[in-house]
C-alpha cells in the first residue's frame, strides 16, 4: 500500500476507497436507556426489500449513493461517473474483490479514453484496511441504531439525511482513516 500511495502522488491521483453495504427495514439493535429490569421492545414491520449503499472515502471527504436492491455493474459505473464529476483530476479507486467490481461494464467504463481512473484491489478478507467499512459501522450503530421504519423509503430518507450530516463532520472522516489499519 505504501508504494500505491507514492505512485498515486506522482501521478496526481486522488485515492478513493470504495465499498458497498446493505440496509433494510430491520433495525440494528443497540443499547438503549430503559428502567432497570424493563427490557425495551422494538416493534417493526419487515419485508425482504433491500436498500444498497455505495460510498467512496478520500482523505478529506466521503461520497455516497443509495440504490434499491443490490448493487451491480451499472450502479457502480453510475457511482464512478459521479465521483469523476465531483473530484477533479485522476482517481485511484481501491476496493475489494467483489465480482461486480471486475464486471465487463465497469472495465469498459474505466478503459474509456475520457476516463482517468485506475483500479487497485485490496487483499482478500481484509476489511480492516478499508476506511469505508468503519463508515458503515458508524452509520449502522450510531446513526441508524434502533430505527424502526415501516417502509423502505423511510430507511432511505433517514439514512440519506444521516449520511449528509456525517459528511459535514470532518473529524469523522479522519476517524475512519485512523481506524483503518493502513500501512501508508
N, C-alpha and C. Protein backbone atom coordinates (compact mmCIF):
# COMPACT_ATOMS: atom_id res chain seq x y z
N UNK A 1 0.81 -1.20 0.00
CA UNK A 1 0.00 0.00 0.00
C UNK A 1 0.86 1.26 0.00
N UNK A 2 2.01 1.21 0.64
CA UNK A 2 2.87 2.40 0.67
C UNK A 2 3.31 2.78 -0.75
N UNK A 3 3.64 1.77 -1.56
CA UNK A 3 4.01 2.03 -2.95
C UNK A 3 2.85 2.60 -3.75
N UNK A 4 1.65 2.14 -3.45
CA UNK A 4 0.46 2.64 -4.12
C UNK A 4 0.27 4.12 -3.84
N UNK A 5 0.49 4.53 -2.59
CA UNK A 5 0.33 5.94 -2.23
C UNK A 5 1.37 6.79 -2.95
N UNK A 6 2.61 6.32 -2.99
CA UNK A 6 3.66 7.08 -3.67
C UNK A 6 3.38 7.22 -5.15
N UNK A 7 2.95 6.13 -5.79
CA UNK A 7 2.62 6.19 -7.21
C UNK A 7 1.45 7.13 -7.47
N UNK A 8 0.46 7.10 -6.59
CA UNK A 8 -0.69 8.00 -6.75
C UNK A 8 -0.26 9.46 -6.63
N UNK A 9 0.65 9.74 -5.70
CA UNK A 9 1.14 11.11 -5.55
C UNK A 9 1.89 11.56 -6.80
N UNK A 10 2.73 10.69 -7.37
CA UNK A 10 3.47 11.02 -8.59
C UNK A 10 2.54 11.33 -9.74
N UNK A 11 1.46 10.57 -9.85
CA UNK A 11 0.51 10.74 -10.96
C UNK A 11 -0.53 11.82 -10.68
N UNK A 12 -0.53 12.39 -9.48
CA UNK A 12 -1.52 13.39 -9.13
C UNK A 12 -2.91 12.82 -8.92
N UNK A 13 -2.98 11.54 -8.54
CA UNK A 13 -4.26 10.86 -8.36
C UNK A 13 -4.81 11.09 -6.95
N UNK A 14 -6.11 11.16 -6.85
CA UNK A 14 -6.79 11.18 -5.57
C UNK A 14 -7.14 9.73 -5.23
N UNK A 15 -6.73 9.30 -4.04
CA UNK A 15 -7.03 7.94 -3.60
C UNK A 15 -8.45 7.92 -3.03
N UNK A 16 -9.27 6.98 -3.53
CA UNK A 16 -10.65 6.83 -3.06
C UNK A 16 -10.87 5.36 -2.72
N UNK A 17 -11.15 5.08 -1.46
CA UNK A 17 -11.54 3.73 -1.06
C UNK A 17 -13.04 3.60 -1.27
N UNK A 18 -13.49 2.50 -1.86
CA UNK A 18 -14.90 2.30 -2.18
C UNK A 18 -15.37 0.98 -1.58
N UNK A 19 -16.61 0.99 -1.08
CA UNK A 19 -17.22 -0.23 -0.56
C UNK A 19 -18.74 -0.10 -0.61
N UNK A 20 -19.42 -1.23 -0.54
CA UNK A 20 -20.88 -1.28 -0.57
C UNK A 20 -21.39 -1.88 0.73
N UNK A 21 -22.65 -1.58 1.03
CA UNK A 21 -23.30 -2.15 2.19
C UNK A 21 -24.79 -2.21 1.94
N UNK A 22 -25.48 -3.00 2.72
CA UNK A 22 -26.93 -3.12 2.59
C UNK A 22 -27.64 -2.57 3.82
N UNK A 23 -28.81 -2.00 3.59
CA UNK A 23 -29.66 -1.51 4.67
C UNK A 23 -31.04 -2.11 4.48
N UNK A 24 -31.76 -2.32 5.57
CA UNK A 24 -33.10 -2.87 5.45
C UNK A 24 -34.00 -2.22 6.50
N UNK A 25 -35.27 -2.61 6.48
CA UNK A 25 -36.22 -2.10 7.45
C UNK A 25 -35.96 -2.67 8.84
N UNK A 26 -35.26 -3.77 8.88
CA UNK A 26 -34.97 -4.42 10.16
C UNK A 26 -33.97 -3.58 10.94
N UNK A 27 -34.30 -3.19 12.16
CA UNK A 27 -33.40 -2.30 12.90
C UNK A 27 -32.13 -2.99 13.38
N UNK A 28 -31.07 -2.21 13.46
CA UNK A 28 -29.85 -2.65 14.11
C UNK A 28 -30.05 -2.36 15.59
N UNK A 29 -30.04 -3.40 16.39
CA UNK A 29 -30.30 -3.20 17.81
C UNK A 29 -29.04 -2.75 18.52
N UNK A 30 -29.17 -1.66 19.24
CA UNK A 30 -28.07 -1.15 20.06
C UNK A 30 -28.61 -0.88 21.46
N UNK A 31 -27.74 -0.57 22.38
CA UNK A 31 -28.16 -0.30 23.75
C UNK A 31 -29.08 0.91 23.82
N UNK A 32 -30.01 0.86 24.73
CA UNK A 32 -30.95 1.96 24.94
C UNK A 32 -31.04 2.26 26.42
N UNK A 33 -31.63 3.39 26.72
CA UNK A 33 -31.90 3.76 28.11
C UNK A 33 -33.27 3.22 28.47
N UNK A 34 -33.34 2.46 29.51
CA UNK A 34 -34.62 1.93 30.00
C UNK A 34 -34.48 1.68 31.49
N UNK A 35 -35.58 1.74 32.21
CA UNK A 35 -35.51 1.41 33.64
C UNK A 35 -34.98 -0.01 33.84
N UNK A 36 -34.22 -0.19 34.89
CA UNK A 36 -33.64 -1.49 35.18
C UNK A 36 -34.73 -2.54 35.27
N UNK A 37 -34.52 -3.65 34.59
CA UNK A 37 -35.46 -4.75 34.62
C UNK A 37 -36.59 -4.65 33.59
N UNK A 38 -36.67 -3.55 32.87
CA UNK A 38 -37.71 -3.38 31.85
C UNK A 38 -37.04 -3.31 30.47
N UNK A 39 -36.92 -4.43 29.85
CA UNK A 39 -36.27 -4.51 28.54
C UNK A 39 -37.11 -3.79 27.49
N UNK A 40 -36.52 -2.82 26.79
CA UNK A 40 -37.28 -2.14 25.74
C UNK A 40 -37.59 -3.10 24.60
N UNK A 41 -38.74 -2.93 23.97
CA UNK A 41 -39.17 -3.78 22.87
C UNK A 41 -39.22 -2.93 21.61
N UNK A 42 -38.51 -3.37 20.57
CA UNK A 42 -38.56 -2.69 19.29
C UNK A 42 -39.61 -3.37 18.43
N UNK A 43 -40.60 -2.61 18.00
CA UNK A 43 -41.63 -3.16 17.14
C UNK A 43 -41.42 -2.62 15.73
N UNK A 44 -41.32 -3.52 14.80
CA UNK A 44 -41.07 -3.11 13.43
C UNK A 44 -41.73 -4.09 12.48
N UNK A 45 -42.04 -3.60 11.29
CA UNK A 45 -42.50 -4.49 10.23
C UNK A 45 -41.28 -4.81 9.38
N UNK A 46 -41.31 -5.91 8.69
CA UNK A 46 -40.12 -6.30 7.93
C UNK A 46 -40.52 -6.95 6.62
N UNK A 47 -39.87 -6.53 5.57
CA UNK A 47 -40.02 -7.19 4.28
C UNK A 47 -38.61 -7.51 3.78
N UNK A 48 -38.53 -8.28 2.76
CA UNK A 48 -37.22 -8.66 2.24
C UNK A 48 -36.65 -7.64 1.27
N UNK A 49 -37.33 -6.52 1.09
CA UNK A 49 -36.80 -5.48 0.21
C UNK A 49 -35.52 -4.93 0.83
N UNK A 50 -34.59 -4.59 -0.03
CA UNK A 50 -33.29 -4.15 0.46
C UNK A 50 -32.90 -2.84 -0.21
N UNK A 51 -32.16 -2.06 0.53
CA UNK A 51 -31.58 -0.82 0.04
C UNK A 51 -30.07 -1.01 0.09
N UNK A 52 -29.39 -0.70 -0.99
CA UNK A 52 -27.94 -0.83 -1.00
C UNK A 52 -27.30 0.55 -1.04
N UNK A 53 -26.14 0.63 -0.43
CA UNK A 53 -25.41 1.89 -0.37
C UNK A 53 -24.00 1.64 -0.88
N UNK A 54 -23.46 2.62 -1.59
CA UNK A 54 -22.07 2.58 -2.02
C UNK A 54 -21.44 3.90 -1.60
N UNK A 55 -20.21 3.83 -1.11
CA UNK A 55 -19.53 5.05 -0.66
C UNK A 55 -18.07 5.00 -1.05
N UNK A 56 -17.52 6.18 -1.24
CA UNK A 56 -16.10 6.35 -1.50
C UNK A 56 -15.54 7.33 -0.50
N UNK A 57 -14.41 7.00 0.12
CA UNK A 57 -13.78 7.86 1.11
C UNK A 57 -12.43 8.33 0.60
N UNK A 58 -12.24 9.65 0.57
CA UNK A 58 -10.94 10.24 0.28
C UNK A 58 -10.35 10.68 1.62
N UNK A 59 -9.19 11.33 1.59
CA UNK A 59 -8.58 11.78 2.85
C UNK A 59 -9.40 12.88 3.52
N UNK A 60 -10.22 13.59 2.78
CA UNK A 60 -10.91 14.75 3.33
C UNK A 60 -12.44 14.67 3.31
N UNK A 61 -13.02 13.72 2.58
CA UNK A 61 -14.47 13.70 2.39
C UNK A 61 -14.92 12.29 2.04
N UNK A 62 -16.23 12.05 2.16
CA UNK A 62 -16.77 10.82 1.60
C UNK A 62 -17.98 11.14 0.75
N UNK A 63 -18.23 10.27 -0.21
CA UNK A 63 -19.30 10.43 -1.19
C UNK A 63 -20.12 9.15 -1.15
N UNK A 64 -21.43 9.27 -1.37
CA UNK A 64 -22.27 8.07 -1.28
C UNK A 64 -23.43 8.15 -2.27
N UNK A 65 -24.00 6.99 -2.54
CA UNK A 65 -25.22 6.84 -3.32
C UNK A 65 -26.01 5.69 -2.73
N UNK A 66 -27.34 5.81 -2.76
CA UNK A 66 -28.23 4.75 -2.32
C UNK A 66 -28.98 4.19 -3.52
N UNK A 67 -29.15 2.88 -3.57
CA UNK A 67 -29.83 2.21 -4.67
C UNK A 67 -30.81 1.18 -4.12
N UNK A 68 -31.99 1.05 -4.73
CA UNK A 68 -32.87 -0.05 -4.34
C UNK A 68 -32.30 -1.37 -4.84
N UNK A 69 -32.49 -2.43 -4.08
CA UNK A 69 -31.97 -3.73 -4.49
C UNK A 69 -30.48 -3.84 -4.28
N UNK A 70 -29.86 -4.77 -5.00
CA UNK A 70 -28.42 -4.98 -4.83
C UNK A 70 -27.64 -4.15 -5.85
N UNK A 71 -26.38 -3.95 -5.55
CA UNK A 71 -25.51 -3.16 -6.42
C UNK A 71 -24.82 -4.09 -7.41
N UNK A 72 -24.95 -3.73 -8.66
CA UNK A 72 -24.32 -4.48 -9.75
C UNK A 72 -23.48 -3.51 -10.58
N UNK A 73 -22.92 -3.99 -11.66
CA UNK A 73 -22.04 -3.19 -12.51
C UNK A 73 -22.59 -1.82 -12.92
N UNK A 74 -23.83 -1.73 -13.43
CA UNK A 74 -24.35 -0.42 -13.85
C UNK A 74 -24.41 0.61 -12.71
N UNK A 75 -24.75 0.17 -11.50
CA UNK A 75 -24.79 1.09 -10.38
C UNK A 75 -23.38 1.55 -10.00
N UNK A 76 -22.41 0.64 -10.12
CA UNK A 76 -21.03 1.01 -9.82
C UNK A 76 -20.54 2.03 -10.84
N UNK A 77 -20.86 1.83 -12.11
CA UNK A 77 -20.47 2.79 -13.14
C UNK A 77 -21.12 4.15 -12.86
N UNK A 78 -22.39 4.16 -12.48
CA UNK A 78 -23.06 5.42 -12.14
C UNK A 78 -22.33 6.14 -11.00
N UNK A 79 -21.92 5.37 -9.99
CA UNK A 79 -21.19 5.96 -8.86
C UNK A 79 -19.82 6.49 -9.30
N UNK A 80 -19.12 5.73 -10.14
CA UNK A 80 -17.81 6.18 -10.62
C UNK A 80 -17.94 7.46 -11.45
N UNK A 81 -19.00 7.55 -12.26
CA UNK A 81 -19.24 8.78 -13.03
C UNK A 81 -19.45 9.96 -12.09
N UNK A 82 -20.22 9.75 -11.03
CA UNK A 82 -20.47 10.82 -10.07
C UNK A 82 -19.17 11.23 -9.37
N UNK A 83 -18.34 10.25 -9.00
CA UNK A 83 -17.04 10.57 -8.39
C UNK A 83 -16.18 11.38 -9.35
N UNK A 84 -16.18 10.99 -10.61
CA UNK A 84 -15.39 11.69 -11.62
C UNK A 84 -15.82 13.15 -11.75
N UNK A 85 -17.13 13.40 -11.62
CA UNK A 85 -17.64 14.79 -11.71
C UNK A 85 -17.30 15.58 -10.46
N UNK A 86 -17.32 14.94 -9.29
CA UNK A 86 -17.15 15.65 -8.02
C UNK A 86 -15.70 15.83 -7.60
N UNK A 87 -14.82 14.94 -8.01
CA UNK A 87 -13.42 15.01 -7.60
C UNK A 87 -12.59 15.34 -8.83
N UNK A 88 -11.94 16.50 -8.83
CA UNK A 88 -11.14 16.87 -10.00
C UNK A 88 -9.87 16.02 -10.13
N UNK A 89 -9.45 15.77 -11.36
CA UNK A 89 -8.21 15.05 -11.61
C UNK A 89 -8.38 13.55 -11.66
N UNK A 90 -7.27 12.85 -11.87
CA UNK A 90 -7.30 11.39 -11.96
C UNK A 90 -7.59 10.75 -10.60
N UNK A 91 -8.23 9.58 -10.65
CA UNK A 91 -8.61 8.87 -9.43
C UNK A 91 -7.95 7.51 -9.36
N UNK A 92 -7.60 7.11 -8.16
CA UNK A 92 -7.17 5.74 -7.88
C UNK A 92 -8.22 5.14 -6.98
N UNK A 93 -8.99 4.22 -7.52
CA UNK A 93 -10.06 3.56 -6.77
C UNK A 93 -9.50 2.28 -6.15
N UNK A 94 -9.62 2.16 -4.84
CA UNK A 94 -9.16 0.96 -4.13
C UNK A 94 -10.39 0.32 -3.51
N UNK A 95 -10.62 -0.94 -3.86
CA UNK A 95 -11.80 -1.65 -3.36
C UNK A 95 -11.53 -3.12 -3.24
N UNK A 96 -12.53 -3.85 -2.74
CA UNK A 96 -12.37 -5.29 -2.52
C UNK A 96 -12.60 -6.06 -3.82
N UNK A 97 -12.57 -7.37 -3.74
CA UNK A 97 -12.68 -8.21 -4.92
C UNK A 97 -14.09 -8.59 -5.30
N UNK A 98 -15.08 -7.78 -4.97
CA UNK A 98 -16.46 -8.05 -5.35
C UNK A 98 -16.54 -8.29 -6.85
N UNK A 99 -17.30 -9.30 -7.23
CA UNK A 99 -17.38 -9.66 -8.66
C UNK A 99 -17.86 -8.49 -9.52
N UNK A 100 -18.78 -7.68 -9.01
CA UNK A 100 -19.28 -6.53 -9.77
C UNK A 100 -18.17 -5.51 -10.07
N UNK A 101 -17.14 -5.44 -9.21
CA UNK A 101 -16.02 -4.53 -9.45
C UNK A 101 -15.20 -4.95 -10.66
N UNK A 102 -15.26 -6.24 -10.98
CA UNK A 102 -14.48 -6.78 -12.08
C UNK A 102 -15.34 -7.03 -13.32
N UNK A 103 -16.58 -6.57 -13.29
CA UNK A 103 -17.51 -6.85 -14.39
C UNK A 103 -17.10 -6.14 -15.68
N UNK A 104 -17.62 -6.64 -16.80
CA UNK A 104 -17.32 -6.05 -18.11
C UNK A 104 -17.77 -4.60 -18.18
N UNK A 105 -18.92 -4.31 -17.62
CA UNK A 105 -19.47 -2.95 -17.66
C UNK A 105 -18.51 -1.97 -16.98
N UNK A 106 -17.99 -2.35 -15.82
CA UNK A 106 -17.07 -1.49 -15.08
C UNK A 106 -15.75 -1.36 -15.84
N UNK A 107 -15.23 -2.49 -16.34
CA UNK A 107 -13.97 -2.46 -17.09
C UNK A 107 -14.09 -1.57 -18.33
N UNK A 108 -15.20 -1.71 -19.06
CA UNK A 108 -15.40 -0.89 -20.27
C UNK A 108 -15.42 0.60 -19.91
N UNK A 109 -16.08 0.93 -18.83
CA UNK A 109 -16.13 2.34 -18.44
C UNK A 109 -14.75 2.87 -18.07
N UNK A 110 -14.01 2.12 -17.25
CA UNK A 110 -12.70 2.57 -16.78
C UNK A 110 -11.69 2.66 -17.94
N UNK A 111 -11.84 1.82 -18.95
CA UNK A 111 -10.90 1.80 -20.07
C UNK A 111 -11.19 2.86 -21.12
N UNK A 112 -12.27 3.61 -20.98
CA UNK A 112 -12.58 4.66 -21.95
C UNK A 112 -11.49 5.73 -21.94
N UNK A 113 -11.30 6.38 -23.06
CA UNK A 113 -10.25 7.39 -23.20
C UNK A 113 -10.53 8.64 -22.36
N UNK A 114 -11.80 8.99 -22.20
CA UNK A 114 -12.13 10.21 -21.47
C UNK A 114 -12.23 10.00 -19.95
N UNK A 115 -11.90 8.82 -19.47
CA UNK A 115 -11.97 8.50 -18.04
C UNK A 115 -10.56 8.25 -17.53
N UNK A 116 -10.18 8.98 -16.47
CA UNK A 116 -8.85 8.81 -15.89
C UNK A 116 -8.98 8.17 -14.50
N UNK A 117 -9.33 6.88 -14.51
CA UNK A 117 -9.49 6.12 -13.28
C UNK A 117 -8.61 4.88 -13.35
N UNK A 118 -7.87 4.66 -12.28
CA UNK A 118 -7.08 3.44 -12.16
C UNK A 118 -7.67 2.63 -11.00
N UNK A 119 -7.70 1.33 -11.14
CA UNK A 119 -8.26 0.45 -10.12
C UNK A 119 -7.16 -0.32 -9.39
N UNK A 120 -7.35 -0.50 -8.09
CA UNK A 120 -6.47 -1.34 -7.28
C UNK A 120 -7.37 -2.15 -6.35
N UNK A 121 -6.96 -3.36 -6.06
CA UNK A 121 -7.77 -4.24 -5.24
C UNK A 121 -7.11 -4.51 -3.89
N UNK A 122 -7.93 -4.54 -2.86
CA UNK A 122 -7.45 -4.89 -1.52
C UNK A 122 -7.22 -6.40 -1.46
N UNK A 123 -6.38 -6.85 -0.55
CA UNK A 123 -6.21 -8.30 -0.38
C UNK A 123 -7.54 -8.93 0.09
N UNK A 124 -7.70 -10.20 -0.20
CA UNK A 124 -8.91 -10.91 0.21
C UNK A 124 -9.02 -10.94 1.73
N UNK A 125 -10.23 -10.87 2.24
CA UNK A 125 -10.52 -10.97 3.67
C UNK A 125 -9.77 -9.92 4.49
N UNK A 126 -9.76 -8.68 4.01
CA UNK A 126 -9.06 -7.61 4.73
C UNK A 126 -9.94 -6.37 4.87
N UNK A 127 -11.14 -6.50 5.45
CA UNK A 127 -11.99 -5.32 5.59
C UNK A 127 -11.40 -4.25 6.50
N UNK A 128 -10.50 -4.65 7.39
CA UNK A 128 -9.90 -3.68 8.31
C UNK A 128 -9.01 -2.67 7.59
N UNK A 129 -8.67 -2.93 6.33
CA UNK A 129 -7.85 -2.00 5.55
C UNK A 129 -8.68 -0.92 4.86
N UNK A 130 -10.00 -1.08 4.84
CA UNK A 130 -10.85 -0.17 4.09
C UNK A 130 -11.57 0.79 5.04
N UNK A 131 -11.28 2.11 4.97
CA UNK A 131 -11.94 3.07 5.86
C UNK A 131 -13.46 3.12 5.69
N UNK A 132 -13.97 2.70 4.53
CA UNK A 132 -15.41 2.74 4.30
C UNK A 132 -16.13 1.75 5.22
N UNK A 133 -15.47 0.65 5.58
CA UNK A 133 -16.08 -0.31 6.50
C UNK A 133 -16.41 0.36 7.84
N UNK A 134 -15.56 1.27 8.28
CA UNK A 134 -15.79 1.97 9.53
C UNK A 134 -16.92 3.00 9.39
N UNK A 135 -17.06 3.56 8.20
CA UNK A 135 -18.19 4.44 7.92
C UNK A 135 -19.49 3.67 8.07
N UNK A 136 -19.57 2.47 7.46
CA UNK A 136 -20.78 1.65 7.57
C UNK A 136 -21.06 1.27 9.01
N UNK A 137 -20.03 0.89 9.75
CA UNK A 137 -20.22 0.53 11.15
C UNK A 137 -20.77 1.69 11.96
N UNK A 138 -20.21 2.87 11.76
CA UNK A 138 -20.69 4.05 12.49
C UNK A 138 -22.13 4.37 12.11
N UNK A 139 -22.43 4.33 10.81
CA UNK A 139 -23.79 4.63 10.35
C UNK A 139 -24.80 3.69 11.00
N UNK A 140 -24.52 2.40 10.96
CA UNK A 140 -25.49 1.42 11.44
C UNK A 140 -25.67 1.42 12.95
N UNK A 141 -24.60 1.68 13.69
CA UNK A 141 -24.70 1.65 15.15
C UNK A 141 -25.12 3.00 15.73
N UNK A 142 -24.45 4.07 15.30
CA UNK A 142 -24.67 5.38 15.93
C UNK A 142 -25.78 6.21 15.28
N UNK A 143 -25.97 6.06 13.99
CA UNK A 143 -26.95 6.90 13.29
C UNK A 143 -28.27 6.19 13.05
N UNK A 144 -28.24 4.90 12.71
CA UNK A 144 -29.46 4.16 12.39
C UNK A 144 -29.85 3.17 13.48
N UNK A 145 -29.10 3.12 14.57
CA UNK A 145 -29.38 2.17 15.64
C UNK A 145 -30.80 2.31 16.17
N UNK A 146 -31.50 1.20 16.28
CA UNK A 146 -32.87 1.13 16.80
C UNK A 146 -33.89 1.84 15.92
N UNK A 147 -33.56 2.20 14.71
CA UNK A 147 -34.54 2.81 13.80
C UNK A 147 -35.57 1.76 13.41
N UNK A 148 -36.83 2.04 13.68
CA UNK A 148 -37.92 1.12 13.35
C UNK A 148 -38.77 1.76 12.26
N UNK A 149 -38.39 1.57 11.04
CA UNK A 149 -39.13 2.14 9.91
C UNK A 149 -40.16 1.14 9.42
N UNK A 150 -41.31 1.65 8.98
CA UNK A 150 -42.35 0.75 8.48
C UNK A 150 -42.24 0.54 6.97
N UNK A 151 -41.53 1.41 6.28
CA UNK A 151 -41.36 1.30 4.83
C UNK A 151 -39.90 1.54 4.48
N UNK A 152 -39.47 0.94 3.39
CA UNK A 152 -38.07 1.06 2.97
C UNK A 152 -37.71 2.50 2.62
N UNK A 153 -38.65 3.27 2.06
CA UNK A 153 -38.33 4.66 1.70
C UNK A 153 -38.03 5.49 2.95
N UNK A 154 -38.59 5.10 4.11
CA UNK A 154 -38.26 5.80 5.35
C UNK A 154 -36.81 5.53 5.75
N UNK A 155 -36.37 4.31 5.56
CA UNK A 155 -34.97 3.97 5.83
C UNK A 155 -34.08 4.79 4.89
N UNK A 156 -34.45 4.84 3.62
CA UNK A 156 -33.69 5.58 2.62
C UNK A 156 -33.59 7.06 2.98
N UNK A 157 -34.72 7.68 3.29
CA UNK A 157 -34.73 9.10 3.63
C UNK A 157 -33.89 9.38 4.87
N UNK A 158 -34.07 8.56 5.91
CA UNK A 158 -33.35 8.76 7.15
C UNK A 158 -31.84 8.54 6.95
N UNK A 159 -31.48 7.46 6.26
CA UNK A 159 -30.06 7.17 6.00
C UNK A 159 -29.42 8.30 5.20
N UNK A 160 -30.11 8.80 4.19
CA UNK A 160 -29.58 9.90 3.37
C UNK A 160 -29.32 11.14 4.24
N UNK A 161 -30.27 11.48 5.10
CA UNK A 161 -30.10 12.64 5.98
C UNK A 161 -28.92 12.44 6.94
N UNK A 162 -28.81 11.25 7.50
CA UNK A 162 -27.73 10.99 8.45
C UNK A 162 -26.37 10.98 7.75
N UNK A 163 -26.30 10.40 6.54
CA UNK A 163 -25.04 10.40 5.80
C UNK A 163 -24.63 11.82 5.43
N UNK A 164 -25.58 12.65 5.02
CA UNK A 164 -25.25 14.06 4.71
C UNK A 164 -24.76 14.79 5.95
N UNK A 165 -25.37 14.49 7.08
CA UNK A 165 -24.92 15.08 8.33
C UNK A 165 -23.49 14.63 8.65
N UNK A 166 -23.22 13.35 8.44
CA UNK A 166 -21.89 12.82 8.70
C UNK A 166 -20.85 13.45 7.77
N UNK A 167 -21.23 13.78 6.53
CA UNK A 167 -20.30 14.39 5.59
C UNK A 167 -19.78 15.73 6.10
N UNK A 168 -20.60 16.43 6.85
CA UNK A 168 -20.21 17.76 7.34
C UNK A 168 -19.28 17.68 8.54
N UNK A 169 -19.03 16.48 9.05
CA UNK A 169 -18.20 16.31 10.23
C UNK A 169 -16.84 15.73 9.82
N UNK A 170 -15.91 16.62 9.53
CA UNK A 170 -14.59 16.19 9.04
C UNK A 170 -13.85 15.31 10.04
N UNK A 171 -14.15 15.48 11.32
CA UNK A 171 -13.49 14.63 12.32
C UNK A 171 -13.88 13.17 12.16
N UNK A 172 -15.08 12.90 11.64
CA UNK A 172 -15.49 11.51 11.39
C UNK A 172 -14.67 10.88 10.28
N UNK A 173 -14.49 11.62 9.19
CA UNK A 173 -13.69 11.10 8.07
C UNK A 173 -12.28 10.78 8.56
N UNK A 174 -11.71 11.68 9.36
CA UNK A 174 -10.37 11.44 9.91
C UNK A 174 -10.38 10.19 10.80
N UNK A 175 -11.44 9.99 11.57
CA UNK A 175 -11.52 8.82 12.45
C UNK A 175 -11.60 7.52 11.65
N UNK A 176 -12.31 7.54 10.52
CA UNK A 176 -12.39 6.34 9.68
C UNK A 176 -11.00 5.96 9.19
N UNK A 177 -10.21 6.96 8.80
CA UNK A 177 -8.85 6.69 8.33
C UNK A 177 -7.96 6.18 9.46
N UNK A 178 -8.13 6.75 10.65
CA UNK A 178 -7.31 6.32 11.79
C UNK A 178 -7.61 4.89 12.19
N UNK A 179 -8.87 4.48 12.09
CA UNK A 179 -9.24 3.13 12.48
C UNK A 179 -8.75 2.10 11.48
N UNK A 180 -8.72 2.47 10.20
CA UNK A 180 -8.26 1.53 9.18
C UNK A 180 -6.77 1.26 9.41
N UNK A 181 -6.42 0.02 9.34
CA UNK A 181 -5.02 -0.37 9.57
C UNK A 181 -4.23 -0.27 8.28
N UNK A 182 -4.05 0.97 7.82
CA UNK A 182 -3.37 1.19 6.54
C UNK A 182 -1.88 1.39 6.74
N UNK A 183 -1.07 0.64 6.06
CA UNK A 183 0.38 0.83 6.14
C UNK A 183 0.86 1.90 5.17
N UNK A 184 0.09 3.00 5.03
CA UNK A 184 0.51 4.07 4.11
C UNK A 184 0.77 5.35 4.85
